[in-house]
Amino acid sequence: MAAKTTLNAKNLESLGAQRLAELLIEVSMGSAAHKRRLRMELAGNHGGAEVAREVRKRLASIARARTVINWRKVKALKSDLETQRKTIVETVAVDDPREAFELIWQFLALANPIFERSSDSSSSIIQSFHQACEDAAAIAVSAEIDSNVLADKVFKAVQDDGYGQYDNLIAAMAPALGKDGLDCLKTLFVEWSKEPKDKPANDKREIIGWGSGSPLYEDEIDSTQRDLTVRIALQEIADARGDVDDYIAQQPEKTRKMPMIAADIANRLVSAGRSKEAIEVLNEVDATGQAMPFEWQLARVETLEALGRREEAQTYRWTCFEQSLHDQHLRAFLKRLPDFDDLEAEEKAFAYAQAFPEVHQALTFFLNWQAPAEAAKLVMRRKAELDGNLYELMPPAAEALAEKHPLAATILLRSMIDFALDSGRSSRYKHAARHLADCASLAPHINDFGDTRPHDIYVAELKRRHGKRHGFWSLVT
């Protein structure tokens, strides 16, 4: 049973309404966020209209603000935005969907002024706007917004998508727009693309950069951006309408032979039951002398499967695995083998990876496969090839091996220590000192160092070679 002083709703109820009200006033002093939350709750007692009025006032206040949003202010702003967004969706929309629809668009309009005064590169804020796009679509259905009106709103928003806040708007709005709305939206973008691109006289055109020795004018950049915006929008509309041919038509002839674009087209053709056309699109890509991206390889495998060419698909999966050691290719290959054959094939794959020319690629494969014993074996056999500069790989690899393979983990940690000291990377000294402490904690768990120097000898060697790296040794405890 919880103590009577435990902070929970039941115990607080015993304080009574008056005392709780006094405490809330006291706690909210000095906290604008808490005060806004309390006002919102009070507004809720007077109905959705009063809540909507409070939200509208707060959104207008955020829009008027001019202070710079640095990293310290991001968390508070994110919380404020989420409070307003959730209030619109969970309270106002239930009572008055049309009012909520207007408010969610007012919310979305905050993106540009917020990002214009933001010095923080965090993606957390833009996630609120992406979610608001989803919310706007759901509210539009409840509010029964006319499809042409909705299309016009979406069109104007995407035109002003300066920071990517509307990246998912067309896809989200597709159900609310329906066929008529999507047709209207397509017409609006096509008409916009045909509008004349006015160019001022050369002596009045602003040069904003240079490319290949030639000036880049602001109006030329704007025109290129408009063309790209239109093309992407028309592709998204084509997807929403399930029109593969229209999607393909938005791709310039030259780009259709690029691996990633060809993969996108092939995937859509396969989904539309047009696998023969899909393989033709993939075959038009020049794969000579280049490693094809994973997405293209996957599209080819799926197309071969759709064509009923399963043996060829299996052969290609193995070929792709041999080229890249991508675990997803191997998993798909093994999944289609009879029982017990998959175990033999896995052993063959492990042997191949152990001898793979690029040791770090092999280590990544074993970690992704969750085969720590194989990863440790690789590290022990090919420790001279390890690059301690690969800081995105070595720490997680050492952590994954530490418990059951402490010697292999130690070798990985030492590779980073040696790199930092050998290259004089003072910015990494604190990490190297931490890695050395980790090596010390692992040493008692290593029964046999084999041909690897024991910890005390390794430290002595470090002091002999790098004794003058005072910045490092001052961090070693």
Protein backbone atom coordinates (compact mmCIF):
# COMPACT_ATOMS: atom_id res chain seq x y z
CA MET A 1 0.00 0.00 0.00
CA ALA A 2 1.36 3.44 -0.97
CA ALA A 3 2.22 5.85 1.85
CA LYS A 4 -0.14 8.72 2.46
CA THR A 5 2.62 11.14 1.40
CA THR A 6 3.18 9.45 -1.98
CA LEU A 7 2.43 11.83 -4.85
CA ASN A 8 -0.55 10.39 -6.63
CA ALA A 9 -4.01 11.62 -7.59
CA LYS A 10 -5.81 9.84 -4.74
CA ASN A 11 -3.60 11.30 -2.00
CA LEU A 12 -3.77 14.80 -3.48
CA GLU A 13 -7.57 14.64 -3.47
CA SER A 14 -7.44 14.56 0.30
CA LEU A 15 -6.06 18.11 0.34
CA GLY A 16 -9.38 19.48 -0.82
CA ALA A 17 -10.23 21.75 -3.77
CA GLN A 18 -9.30 25.05 -2.11
CA ARG A 19 -5.83 23.91 -0.98
CA LEU A 20 -5.10 22.31 -4.34
CA ALA A 21 -6.09 25.55 -6.10
CA GLU A 22 -3.72 27.53 -3.85
CA LEU A 23 -0.90 25.07 -4.52
CA LEU A 24 -1.45 25.25 -8.28
CA ILE A 25 -1.24 29.04 -8.19
CA GLU A 26 1.95 28.80 -6.14
CA VAL A 27 3.55 26.18 -8.40
CA SER A 28 2.65 28.12 -11.55
CA MET A 29 4.30 31.33 -10.35
CA GLY A 30 7.24 32.06 -12.63
CA SER A 31 6.23 29.43 -15.18
CA ALA A 32 4.47 30.82 -18.23
CA ALA A 33 3.93 27.29 -19.57
CA HIS A 34 2.15 26.18 -16.39
CA LYS A 35 -0.01 29.29 -16.38
CA ARG A 36 -1.04 28.70 -20.00
CA ARG A 37 -1.95 25.12 -19.16
CA LEU A 38 -4.12 26.23 -16.24
CA ARG A 39 -5.87 28.88 -18.36
CA MET A 40 -6.55 26.23 -21.00
CA GLU A 41 -8.13 23.95 -18.39
CA LEU A 42 -10.28 26.81 -17.13
CA ALA A 43 -11.35 27.61 -20.67
CA GLY A 44 -12.40 23.99 -21.09
CA ASN A 45 -15.01 24.47 -18.38
CA HIS A 46 -16.69 27.06 -20.60
CA GLY A 47 -16.89 24.90 -23.74
CA GLY A 48 -14.91 24.32 -26.94
CA ALA A 49 -15.40 27.88 -28.18
CA GLU A 50 -13.52 29.31 -25.22
CA VAL A 51 -10.73 26.75 -25.65
CA ALA A 52 -10.48 27.67 -29.34
CA ARG A 53 -10.20 31.35 -28.39
CA GLU A 54 -7.31 30.58 -26.02
CA VAL A 55 -5.52 28.50 -28.66
CA ARG A 56 -5.96 31.20 -31.27
CA LYS A 57 -4.50 33.81 -28.92
CA ARG A 58 -1.50 31.61 -28.15
CA LEU A 59 -0.81 30.81 -31.81
CA ALA A 60 -0.95 34.52 -32.65
CA SER A 61 1.49 35.24 -29.82
CA ILE A 62 3.96 32.64 -31.10
CA ALA A 63 3.68 34.07 -34.61
CA ARG A 64 4.48 37.61 -33.35
CA ALA A 65 7.54 36.54 -31.34
CA ARG A 66 10.92 37.72 -32.61
CA THR A 67 13.42 36.28 -30.11
CA VAL A 68 16.00 33.82 -31.45
CA ILE A 69 15.22 30.18 -30.70
CA ASN A 70 18.50 28.59 -29.63
CA TRP A 71 19.01 25.02 -28.47
CA ARG A 72 18.11 25.94 -24.89
CA LYS A 73 14.63 27.09 -25.92
CA VAL A 74 13.75 24.22 -28.26
CA LYS A 75 12.37 21.91 -25.58
CA ALA A 76 10.01 24.57 -24.16
CA LEU A 77 8.82 25.60 -27.62
CA LYS A 78 8.26 21.98 -28.63
CA SER A 79 6.18 21.43 -25.49
CA ASP A 80 4.15 24.58 -26.17
CA LEU A 81 3.48 23.58 -29.78
CA GLU A 82 2.45 20.07 -28.77
CA THR A 83 0.06 21.46 -26.15
CA GLN A 84 -1.65 23.65 -28.76
CA ARG A 85 -1.72 20.91 -31.40
CA LYS A 86 -3.18 18.31 -29.05
CA THR A 87 -5.77 20.76 -27.74
CA ILE A 88 -6.93 21.45 -31.29
CA VAL A 89 -7.15 17.75 -32.13
CA GLU A 90 -8.45 16.33 -28.87
CA THR A 91 -10.73 19.13 -27.65
CA VAL A 92 -11.71 21.66 -30.32
CA ALA A 93 -12.11 19.12 -33.15
CA VAL A 94 -14.52 17.05 -31.06
CA ASP A 95 -16.75 20.07 -30.43
CA ASP A 96 -16.35 22.00 -33.69
CA PRO A 97 -14.39 20.35 -36.55
CA ARG A 98 -14.57 23.42 -38.81
CA GLU A 99 -13.15 25.66 -36.11
CA ALA A 100 -10.43 23.07 -35.49
CA PHE A 101 -9.64 23.00 -39.20
CA GLU A 102 -9.00 26.75 -39.25
CA LEU A 103 -6.89 26.49 -36.10
CA ILE A 104 -4.72 23.65 -37.41
CA TRP A 105 -3.94 25.72 -40.50
CA GLN A 106 -3.06 28.65 -38.27
CA PHE A 107 -0.79 26.24 -36.41
CA LEU A 108 0.89 25.10 -39.65
CA ALA A 109 1.44 28.72 -40.67
CA LEU A 110 3.76 29.10 -37.66
CA ALA A 111 6.45 26.97 -39.31
CA ASN A 112 8.10 29.66 -41.42
CA PRO A 113 8.30 32.36 -38.72
CA ILE A 114 9.56 29.80 -36.20
CA PHE A 115 12.29 28.39 -38.42
CA GLU A 116 13.31 31.86 -39.60
CA ARG A 117 14.31 32.74 -36.03
CA SER A 118 15.63 29.33 -35.04
CA SER A 119 19.36 28.65 -34.75
CA ASP A 120 18.82 25.03 -33.75
CA SER A 121 19.12 22.19 -36.25
CA SER A 122 17.04 19.77 -34.18
CA SER A 123 14.38 17.85 -36.08
CA SER A 124 12.06 17.71 -33.07
CA ILE A 125 10.16 20.89 -33.94
CA ILE A 126 9.47 19.97 -37.55
CA GLN A 127 8.02 16.66 -36.36
CA SER A 128 5.21 18.65 -34.74
CA PHE A 129 4.37 20.21 -38.10
CA HIS A 130 4.51 16.89 -39.93
CA GLN A 131 2.09 15.48 -37.37
CA ALA A 132 -0.10 18.56 -37.78
CA CYS A 133 -0.33 17.77 -41.51
CA GLU A 134 -1.75 14.35 -40.57
CA ASP A 135 -4.09 16.01 -38.08
CA ALA A 136 -5.28 18.55 -40.65
CA ALA A 137 -6.19 15.72 -43.02
CA ALA A 138 -8.22 13.88 -40.37
CA ILE A 139 -9.99 17.07 -39.29
CA ALA A 140 -10.77 17.95 -42.93
CA VAL A 141 -12.72 14.71 -43.26
CA SER A 142 -14.70 15.38 -40.06
CA ALA A 143 -15.35 18.98 -41.08
CA GLU A 144 -16.46 17.91 -44.59
CA ILE A 145 -14.33 20.58 -46.24
CA ASP A 146 -15.10 21.09 -49.93
CA SER A 147 -12.50 19.25 -52.02
CA ASN A 148 -11.73 22.29 -54.21
CA VAL A 149 -11.27 24.53 -51.18
CA LEU A 150 -9.00 21.92 -49.64
CA ALA A 151 -7.01 21.55 -52.86
CA ASP A 152 -6.41 25.30 -52.96
CA LYS A 153 -5.19 25.31 -49.36
CA VAL A 154 -2.82 22.39 -49.99
CA PHE A 155 -1.53 24.03 -53.17
CA LYS A 156 -0.71 27.32 -51.45
CA ALA A 157 0.93 25.53 -48.54
CA VAL A 158 3.22 23.41 -50.74
CA GLN A 159 4.17 26.53 -52.72
CA ASP A 160 5.52 28.00 -49.48
CA ASP A 161 7.22 24.88 -48.13
CA GLY A 162 10.39 26.70 -47.19
CA TYR A 163 11.58 24.33 -44.46
CA GLY A 164 10.01 21.01 -45.41
CA GLN A 165 7.12 21.42 -42.98
CA TYR A 166 4.62 20.34 -45.66
CA ASP A 167 6.66 17.40 -47.02
CA ASN A 168 3.96 14.85 -46.13
CA LEU A 169 0.93 17.09 -46.72
CA ILE A 170 -0.24 15.80 -50.12
CA ALA A 171 0.02 12.13 -49.10
CA ALA A 172 -1.78 12.85 -45.82
CA MET A 173 -4.54 14.83 -47.51
CA ALA A 174 -5.21 12.34 -50.30
CA PRO A 175 -8.17 10.59 -48.58
CA ALA A 176 -9.76 13.94 -47.69
CA LEU A 177 -9.20 15.34 -51.19
CA GLY A 178 -10.67 12.34 -52.98
CA LYS A 179 -10.51 11.97 -56.75
CA ASP A 180 -12.00 15.40 -57.49
CA GLY A 181 -9.73 17.18 -55.06
CA LEU A 182 -6.61 15.44 -56.37
CA ASP A 183 -7.61 16.31 -59.96
CA CYS A 184 -8.09 19.93 -58.93
CA LEU A 185 -4.74 19.97 -57.13
CA LYS A 186 -3.00 18.54 -60.17
CA THR A 187 -4.55 21.24 -62.36
CA LEU A 188 -3.35 23.97 -60.01
CA PHE A 189 0.25 22.73 -60.13
CA VAL A 190 0.20 22.25 -63.90
CA GLU A 191 -1.11 25.80 -64.39
CA TRP A 192 1.52 27.16 -62.03
CA SER A 193 4.26 25.40 -63.99
CA LYS A 194 3.07 27.14 -67.17
CA GLU A 195 3.14 30.63 -65.72
CA PRO A 196 5.76 32.84 -67.40
CA LYS A 197 9.09 33.06 -65.63
CA ASP A 198 9.59 36.80 -65.60
CA LYS A 199 13.22 37.88 -65.82
CA PRO A 200 14.26 41.43 -64.95
CA ALA A 201 16.73 43.29 -67.10
CA ASN A 202 20.27 41.91 -66.74
CA ASP A 203 21.54 45.06 -65.05
CA LYS A 204 18.89 44.67 -62.34
CA ARG A 205 19.22 40.93 -61.79
CA GLU A 206 20.81 39.93 -58.50
CA ILE A 207 23.79 37.58 -58.70
CA ILE A 208 23.73 35.20 -55.72
CA GLY A 209 26.51 32.84 -56.76
CA TRP A 210 28.64 31.39 -59.52
CA GLY A 211 28.60 28.03 -61.27
CA SER A 212 31.10 26.79 -63.88
CA GLY A 213 32.38 30.34 -64.26
CA SER A 214 28.92 31.75 -65.00
CA PRO A 215 26.76 33.90 -62.69
CA LEU A 216 23.76 32.38 -60.94
CA TYR A 217 20.83 34.80 -60.76
CA GLU A 218 18.18 34.77 -58.04
CA ASP A 219 15.32 34.43 -60.53
CA GLU A 220 16.99 31.39 -62.10
CA ILE A 221 17.27 29.70 -58.72
CA ASP A 222 13.62 30.50 -57.97
CA SER A 223 12.57 29.06 -61.34
CA THR A 224 14.53 25.84 -60.75
CA GLN A 225 13.02 25.50 -57.28
CA ARG A 226 9.53 26.00 -58.67
CA ASP A 227 10.08 23.31 -61.33
CA LEU A 228 11.31 20.89 -58.68
CA THR A 229 8.38 21.66 -56.36
CA VAL A 230 5.90 21.07 -59.18
CA ARG A 231 7.54 17.82 -60.25
CA ILE A 232 7.60 16.37 -56.73
CA ALA A 233 3.99 17.46 -56.10
CA LEU A 234 2.78 15.88 -59.33
CA GLN A 235 4.60 12.65 -58.44
CA GLU A 236 2.89 12.57 -55.05
CA ILE A 237 -0.48 13.25 -56.64
CA ALA A 238 0.13 10.46 -59.15
CA ASP A 239 0.95 8.09 -56.29
CA ALA A 240 -2.18 9.15 -54.40
CA ARG A 241 -4.28 8.46 -57.50
CA GLY A 242 -2.52 5.16 -58.16
CA ASP A 243 -1.48 6.41 -61.61
CA VAL A 244 1.87 4.78 -62.38
CA ASP A 245 2.10 6.23 -65.89
CA ASP A 246 1.55 9.74 -64.60
CA TYR A 247 4.28 9.17 -61.98
CA ILE A 248 6.70 8.03 -64.67
CA ALA A 249 5.77 10.98 -66.87
CA GLN A 250 7.00 13.37 -64.17
CA GLN A 251 10.51 11.91 -64.43
CA PRO A 252 12.73 13.37 -67.16
CA GLU A 253 13.85 10.74 -69.66
CA LYS A 254 17.48 11.00 -68.54
CA THR A 255 16.77 10.43 -64.85
CA ARG A 256 14.74 7.28 -65.49
CA LYS A 257 18.03 5.45 -66.07
CA MET A 258 19.40 6.44 -62.69
CA PRO A 259 19.39 3.43 -60.32
CA MET A 260 17.30 4.99 -57.54
CA ILE A 261 14.71 6.46 -59.90
CA ALA A 262 14.51 3.22 -61.87
CA ALA A 263 13.96 1.31 -58.61
CA ASP A 264 11.12 3.65 -57.62
CA ILE A 265 9.45 3.21 -61.00
CA ALA A 266 9.92 -0.57 -60.98
CA ASN A 267 8.40 -0.90 -57.51
CA ARG A 268 5.30 0.96 -58.65
CA LEU A 269 5.00 -1.09 -61.82
CA VAL A 270 5.24 -4.33 -59.84
CA SER A 271 2.54 -3.13 -57.44
CA ALA A 272 0.37 -2.38 -60.48
CA GLY A 273 0.88 -5.92 -61.84
CA ARG A 274 3.18 -4.75 -64.63
CA SER A 275 6.29 -6.75 -63.78
CA LYS A 276 7.49 -7.18 -67.38
CA GLU A 277 7.68 -3.41 -67.77
CA ALA A 278 9.42 -3.19 -64.39
CA ILE A 279 12.28 -5.49 -65.41
CA GLU A 280 12.70 -3.52 -68.64
CA VAL A 281 13.05 -0.30 -66.64
CA LEU A 282 15.67 -1.89 -64.37
CA ASN A 283 17.56 -3.35 -67.35
CA GLU A 284 17.89 0.11 -68.89
CA VAL A 285 20.14 1.17 -66.03
CA ASP A 286 23.82 0.86 -66.91
CA ALA A 287 25.18 -1.35 -64.12
CA THR A 288 28.60 -1.81 -65.74
CA GLY A 289 31.50 -1.16 -63.42
CA GLN A 290 29.48 0.22 -60.52
CA ALA A 291 28.03 -1.17 -57.32
CA MET A 292 24.30 -0.77 -57.54
CA PRO A 293 22.49 0.74 -54.55
CA PHE A 294 20.63 -1.60 -52.22
CA GLU A 295 17.24 -0.16 -53.24
CA TRP A 296 17.87 -1.05 -56.90
CA GLN A 297 19.03 -4.54 -55.97
CA LEU A 298 15.94 -5.08 -53.84
CA ALA A 299 13.66 -3.82 -56.61
CA ARG A 300 15.27 -6.26 -59.05
CA VAL A 301 14.81 -9.20 -56.67
CA GLU A 302 11.15 -8.31 -56.05
CA THR A 303 10.56 -7.94 -59.79
CA LEU A 304 12.14 -11.34 -60.53
CA GLU A 305 9.93 -12.90 -57.85
CA ALA A 306 6.85 -11.24 -59.35
CA LEU A 307 7.79 -12.69 -62.74
CA GLY A 308 8.02 -16.17 -61.24
CA ARG A 309 11.79 -16.33 -61.84
CA ARG A 310 12.49 -17.51 -58.28
CA GLU A 311 15.75 -19.39 -58.90
CA GLU A 312 17.17 -16.38 -60.67
CA ALA A 313 16.03 -14.20 -57.77
CA GLN A 314 17.80 -16.49 -55.28
CA THR A 315 21.01 -16.46 -57.32
CA TYR A 316 20.89 -12.69 -57.49
CA ARG A 317 20.30 -12.40 -53.73
CA TRP A 318 23.46 -14.39 -53.06
CA THR A 319 25.42 -12.35 -55.60
CA CYS A 320 24.30 -9.14 -53.92
CA PHE A 321 25.28 -10.53 -50.52
CA GLU A 322 28.74 -11.41 -51.80
CA GLN A 323 29.16 -7.88 -53.13
CA SER A 324 27.91 -5.96 -50.10
CA LEU A 325 27.51 -8.30 -47.09
CA HIS A 326 24.10 -6.73 -46.63
CA ASP A 327 22.33 -8.85 -44.04
CA GLN A 328 18.87 -8.27 -45.55
CA HIS A 329 19.89 -10.03 -48.77
CA LEU A 330 21.16 -13.03 -46.80
CA ARG A 331 18.07 -13.21 -44.58
CA ALA A 332 15.83 -13.24 -47.65
CA PHE A 333 18.04 -15.89 -49.28
CA LEU A 334 17.99 -18.19 -46.23
CA LYS A 335 14.25 -17.75 -45.70
CA ARG A 336 13.56 -19.39 -49.05
CA LEU A 337 15.75 -22.46 -48.46
CA PRO A 338 14.47 -25.84 -47.21
CA ASP A 339 15.04 -26.80 -43.57
CA PHE A 340 18.69 -27.57 -42.70
CA ASP A 341 19.88 -26.17 -46.03
CA ASP A 342 19.68 -22.75 -44.45
CA LEU A 343 22.14 -23.73 -41.69
CA GLU A 344 24.69 -24.90 -44.23
CA ALA A 345 24.20 -21.72 -46.26
CA GLU A 346 24.62 -19.57 -43.15
CA GLU A 347 27.95 -21.28 -42.36
CA LYS A 348 29.05 -20.63 -45.94
CA ALA A 349 28.05 -16.97 -45.59
CA PHE A 350 29.99 -16.64 -42.33
CA ALA A 351 33.13 -18.13 -43.92
CA TYR A 352 32.77 -15.76 -46.86
CA ALA A 353 32.39 -12.75 -44.55
CA GLN A 354 35.43 -13.77 -42.48
CA ALA A 355 37.57 -13.50 -45.62
CA PHE A 356 35.86 -10.40 -47.03
CA PRO A 357 38.44 -7.82 -48.18
CA GLU A 358 36.96 -4.95 -46.15
CA VAL A 359 37.19 -6.00 -42.51
CA HIS A 360 34.94 -3.23 -41.19
CA GLN A 361 32.18 -4.22 -43.59
CA ALA A 362 32.49 -7.78 -42.33
CA LEU A 363 32.39 -6.61 -38.70
CA THR A 364 29.25 -4.59 -39.40
CA PHE A 365 27.63 -7.65 -40.96
CA PHE A 366 28.34 -9.87 -37.95
CA LEU A 367 27.04 -7.21 -35.56
CA ASN A 368 23.84 -6.78 -37.60
CA TRP A 369 23.46 -10.56 -37.71
CA GLN A 370 23.90 -10.66 -33.93
CA ALA A 371 26.73 -13.18 -34.23
CA PRO A 372 29.18 -11.92 -31.56
CA ALA A 373 31.31 -15.07 -31.65
CA GLU A 374 31.93 -14.58 -35.36
CA ALA A 375 32.62 -10.88 -34.82
CA ALA A 376 35.15 -11.68 -32.07
CA LYS A 377 36.81 -14.28 -34.31
CA LEU A 378 37.13 -11.66 -37.06
CA VAL A 379 38.63 -9.08 -34.69
CA MET A 380 41.18 -11.55 -33.31
CA ARG A 381 42.26 -12.72 -36.77
CA ARG A 382 42.44 -9.32 -38.46
CA LYS A 383 43.22 -6.87 -35.68
CA ALA A 384 46.04 -5.28 -37.68
CA GLU A 385 43.47 -4.08 -40.24
CA LEU A 386 41.20 -2.28 -37.76
CA ASP A 387 40.83 1.49 -38.15
CA GLY A 388 40.35 3.20 -34.81
CA ASN A 389 39.16 6.32 -36.61
CA LEU A 390 35.80 4.67 -37.37
CA TYR A 391 34.14 6.07 -34.30
CA GLU A 392 30.61 5.23 -35.44
CA LEU A 393 31.53 1.50 -35.56
CA MET A 394 34.16 0.72 -32.93
CA PRO A 395 32.39 1.78 -29.67
CA PRO A 396 29.15 -0.14 -30.33
CA ALA A 397 31.18 -3.12 -31.55
CA ALA A 398 33.26 -3.13 -28.35
CA GLU A 399 30.12 -2.83 -26.25
CA ALA A 400 28.48 -5.74 -28.08
CA LEU A 401 31.51 -8.00 -27.46
CA ALA A 402 32.49 -6.89 -23.95
CA GLU A 403 30.46 -9.39 -21.93
CA LYS A 404 31.36 -12.67 -23.64
CA HIS A 405 34.43 -11.69 -25.65
CA PRO A 406 36.41 -9.23 -23.50
CA LEU A 407 39.70 -9.70 -25.37
CA ALA A 408 38.12 -8.84 -28.74
CA ALA A 409 36.41 -5.84 -27.11
CA THR A 410 39.77 -4.76 -25.69
CA ILE A 411 41.39 -4.93 -29.13
CA LEU A 412 38.65 -2.68 -30.54
CA LEU A 413 39.05 -0.19 -27.69
CA ARG A 414 42.82 -0.15 -28.13
CA SER A 415 42.44 0.60 -31.84
CA MET A 416 40.66 3.84 -30.92
CA ILE A 417 43.17 4.71 -28.19
CA ASP A 418 46.11 4.13 -30.55
CA PHE A 419 44.52 6.22 -33.29
CA ALA A 420 43.84 9.16 -30.97
CA LEU A 421 47.37 9.19 -29.56
CA ASP A 422 49.28 8.30 -32.73
CA SER A 423 47.54 11.09 -34.65
CA GLY A 424 47.55 13.57 -31.77
CA ARG A 425 43.77 14.02 -31.85
CA SER A 426 43.40 16.01 -28.64
CA SER A 427 39.64 16.28 -29.18
CA ARG A 428 39.46 12.52 -28.66
CA TYR A 429 41.66 12.30 -25.57
CA LYS A 430 38.72 12.20 -23.18
CA HIS A 431 37.21 9.32 -25.15
CA ALA A 432 40.56 7.54 -25.31
CA ALA A 433 40.95 7.89 -21.52
CA ARG A 434 37.51 6.38 -21.06
CA HIS A 435 38.37 3.53 -23.43
CA LEU A 436 41.56 2.86 -21.45
CA ALA A 437 39.51 2.66 -18.24
CA ASP A 438 37.18 0.21 -19.99
CA CYS A 439 40.21 -1.89 -20.97
CA ALA A 440 41.30 -1.94 -17.32
CA SER A 441 37.87 -3.17 -16.22
CA LEU A 442 37.88 -5.89 -18.89
CA ALA A 443 41.39 -7.15 -18.14
CA PRO A 444 40.48 -9.29 -15.09
CA HIS A 445 37.94 -11.18 -17.23
CA ILE A 446 40.53 -12.20 -19.84
CA ASN A 447 42.06 -15.59 -18.99
CA ASP A 448 44.53 -15.68 -21.85
CA PHE A 449 45.80 -12.65 -23.77
CA GLY A 450 47.55 -14.89 -26.28
CA ASP A 451 49.72 -12.80 -28.58
CA THR A 452 47.98 -9.60 -27.37
CA ARG A 453 49.86 -7.58 -24.76
CA PRO A 454 48.36 -7.75 -21.25
CA HIS A 455 46.87 -4.54 -19.93
CA ASP A 456 49.79 -3.40 -17.73
CA ILE A 457 52.30 -3.98 -20.52
CA TYR A 458 50.06 -2.12 -22.98
CA VAL A 459 49.81 0.87 -20.62
CA ALA A 460 53.58 0.88 -20.10
CA GLU A 461 54.07 0.87 -23.88
CA LEU A 462 51.63 3.78 -24.22
CA LYS A 463 53.60 5.79 -21.67
CA ARG A 464 56.85 5.04 -23.46
CA ARG A 465 55.48 6.12 -26.85
CA HIS A 466 53.16 8.92 -25.79
CA GLY A 467 54.36 10.03 -22.38
CA LYS A 468 54.38 13.67 -23.51
CA ARG A 469 50.67 13.65 -24.39
CA HIS A 470 49.94 15.42 -21.10
CA GLY A 471 46.40 16.33 -22.17
CA PHE A 472 45.63 12.62 -22.38
CA TRP A 473 47.39 11.43 -19.24
CA SER A 474 45.78 14.16 -17.16
CA LEU A 475 42.44 12.49 -17.93
CA VAL A 476 43.59 8.98 -17.00
CA THR A 477 42.57 8.01 -13.47
